Amino acid sequence: MVDTVGTLSAKHEIKSRFITLNLALNYIDPQEYLKNNKYAIQEMINLASETVVIGKYALNYFEEFLRKLWQSVGGKHE
């Protein structure tokens, strides 16, 4: 598994990453994203408990990503 916290040198880089991913979410194919980033969900879960600030951004992205993934596999929008 990729250790994002260790890879990125500061917590503000993690925050920036999730802000950027959230903005780009409309242009991301969630199924393709998971194929190319097989540890993405585990990473989001781990980062959600990192700190309150980091967790907030990770959880916001995680929620929207899962919603988009659900829609892409035929789930209904609720």
C-alpha atoms as a PDB file:
ATOM      1  CA  MET A   1       0.000   0.000   0.000  1.00  0.00           C
ATOM      2  CA  VAL A   2       1.182   3.506  -0.772  1.00  0.00           C
ATOM      3  CA  ASP A   3       1.814   5.639   2.287  1.00  0.00           C
ATOM      4  CA  THR A   4       0.550   9.028   1.148  1.00  0.00           C
ATOM      5  CA  VAL A   5       1.284  10.689   4.469  1.00  0.00           C
ATOM      6  CA  GLY A   6       4.896   9.556   4.179  1.00  0.00           C
ATOM      7  CA  THR A   7       5.099  10.404   0.471  1.00  0.00           C
ATOM      8  CA  LEU A   8       3.766  13.925   0.779  1.00  0.00           C
ATOM      9  CA  SER A   9       6.032  16.094   2.884  1.00  0.00           C
ATOM     10  CA  ALA A  10       3.382  18.102   4.704  1.00  0.00           C
ATOM     11  CA  LYS A  11      -0.243  17.850   5.744  1.00  0.00           C
ATOM     12  CA  HIS A  12      -1.110  20.917   3.640  1.00  0.00           C
ATOM     13  CA  GLU A  13      -0.070  18.883   0.563  1.00  0.00           C
ATOM     14  CA  ILE A  14      -2.593  16.188   1.500  1.00  0.00           C
ATOM     15  CA  LYS A  15      -5.283  18.835   2.008  1.00  0.00           C
ATOM     16  CA  SER A  16      -4.403  20.400  -1.367  1.00  0.00           C
ATOM     17  CA  ARG A  17      -4.538  17.000  -3.043  1.00  0.00           C
ATOM     18  CA  PHE A  18      -8.072  16.298  -1.853  1.00  0.00           C
ATOM     19  CA  ILE A  19      -9.284  19.804  -2.661  1.00  0.00           C
ATOM     20  CA  THR A  20      -7.926  19.353  -6.191  1.00  0.00           C
ATOM     21  CA  LEU A  21      -9.385  15.859  -6.557  1.00  0.00           C
ATOM     22  CA  ASN A  22     -12.777  17.144  -5.409  1.00  0.00           C
ATOM     23  CA  LEU A  23     -12.664  19.920  -8.004  1.00  0.00           C
ATOM     24  CA  ALA A  24     -11.630  17.436 -10.714  1.00  0.00           C
ATOM     25  CA  LEU A  25     -14.225  14.836  -9.739  1.00  0.00           C
ATOM     26  CA  ASN A  26     -16.561  15.770 -12.586  1.00  0.00           C
ATOM     27  CA  TYR A  27     -13.808  14.781 -15.010  1.00  0.00           C
ATOM     28  CA  ILE A  28     -12.693  11.561 -13.290  1.00  0.00           C
ATOM     29  CA  ASP A  29     -13.997   8.156 -14.339  1.00  0.00           C
ATOM     30  CA  PRO A  30     -14.274   6.490 -10.905  1.00  0.00           C
ATOM     31  CA  GLN A  31     -13.882   2.957 -12.234  1.00  0.00           C
ATOM     32  CA  GLU A  32     -10.751   3.882 -14.184  1.00  0.00           C
ATOM     33  CA  TYR A  33      -9.415   5.810 -11.201  1.00  0.00           C
ATOM     34  CA  LEU A  34      -9.741   2.719  -9.001  1.00  0.00           C
ATOM     35  CA  LYS A  35      -8.059   0.549 -11.635  1.00  0.00           C
ATOM     36  CA  ASN A  36      -5.083   2.916 -11.708  1.00  0.00           C
ATOM     37  CA  ASN A  37      -5.059   3.545  -7.937  1.00  0.00           C
ATOM     38  CA  LYS A  38      -5.948   0.220  -6.369  1.00  0.00           C
ATOM     39  CA  TYR A  39      -5.230   1.466  -2.835  1.00  0.00           C
ATOM     40  CA  ALA A  40      -7.244   4.678  -3.189  1.00  0.00           C
ATOM     41  CA  ILE A  41     -10.138   3.621  -0.963  1.00  0.00           C
ATOM     42  CA  GLN A  42      -7.822   2.324   1.772  1.00  0.00           C
ATOM     43  CA  GLU A  43      -5.833   5.532   1.525  1.00  0.00           C
ATOM     44  CA  MET A  44      -8.977   7.662   1.908  1.00  0.00           C
ATOM     45  CA  ILE A  45     -10.045   5.629   4.947  1.00  0.00           C
ATOM     46  CA  ASN A  46      -6.602   6.006   6.538  1.00  0.00           C
ATOM     47  CA  LEU A  47      -6.420   9.735   5.849  1.00  0.00           C
ATOM     48  CA  ALA A  48      -9.948  10.303   7.142  1.00  0.00           C
ATOM     49  CA  SER A  49      -8.629   9.641  10.643  1.00  0.00           C
ATOM     50  CA  GLU A  50      -5.281  11.446  10.216  1.00  0.00           C
ATOM     51  CA  THR A  51      -6.350  14.795  11.704  1.00  0.00           C
ATOM     52  CA  VAL A  52      -9.636  16.660  11.904  1.00  0.00           C
ATOM     53  CA  VAL A  53      -8.664  19.025   9.075  1.00  0.00           C
ATOM     54  CA  ILE A  54      -7.218  16.349   6.780  1.00  0.00           C
ATOM     55  CA  GLY A  55     -10.083  13.999   7.635  1.00  0.00           C
ATOM     56  CA  LYS A  56     -12.645  16.607   6.621  1.00  0.00           C
ATOM     57  CA  TYR A  57     -11.177  16.992   3.145  1.00  0.00           C
ATOM     58  CA  ALA A  58     -10.598  13.254   2.690  1.00  0.00           C
ATOM     59  CA  LEU A  59     -14.152  12.419   3.794  1.00  0.00           C
ATOM     60  CA  ASN A  60     -15.715  15.082   1.572  1.00  0.00           C
ATOM     61  CA  TYR A  61     -13.888  13.687  -1.439  1.00  0.00           C
ATOM     62  CA  PHE A  62     -14.533  10.068  -0.400  1.00  0.00           C
ATOM     63  CA  GLU A  63     -18.284  10.688  -0.129  1.00  0.00           C
ATOM     64  CA  GLU A  64     -18.511  12.373  -3.527  1.00  0.00           C
ATOM     65  CA  PHE A  65     -16.246   9.772  -5.138  1.00  0.00           C
ATOM     66  CA  LEU A  66     -18.344   6.871  -3.819  1.00  0.00           C
ATOM     67  CA  ARG A  67     -21.536   8.605  -4.979  1.00  0.00           C
ATOM     68  CA  LYS A  68     -20.073   8.988  -8.468  1.00  0.00           C
ATOM     69  CA  LEU A  69     -18.819   5.383  -8.445  1.00  0.00           C
ATOM     70  CA  TRP A  70     -22.290   4.176  -7.419  1.00  0.00           C
ATOM     71  CA  GLN A  71     -23.861   6.097 -10.305  1.00  0.00           C
ATOM     72  CA  SER A  72     -21.284   4.759 -12.772  1.00  0.00           C
ATOM     73  CA  VAL A  73     -22.168   1.142 -11.978  1.00  0.00           C
ATOM     74  CA  GLY A  74     -25.879   1.727 -12.441  1.00  0.00           C
ATOM     75  CA  GLY A  75     -26.923   2.909  -9.008  1.00  0.00           C
ATOM     76  CA  LYS A  76     -29.686   5.450  -8.796  1.00  0.00           C
ATOM     77  CA  HIS A  77     -28.997   8.996  -7.724  1.00  0.00           C
ATOM     78  CA  GLU A  78     -30.602   9.631  -4.321  1.00  0.00           C
END
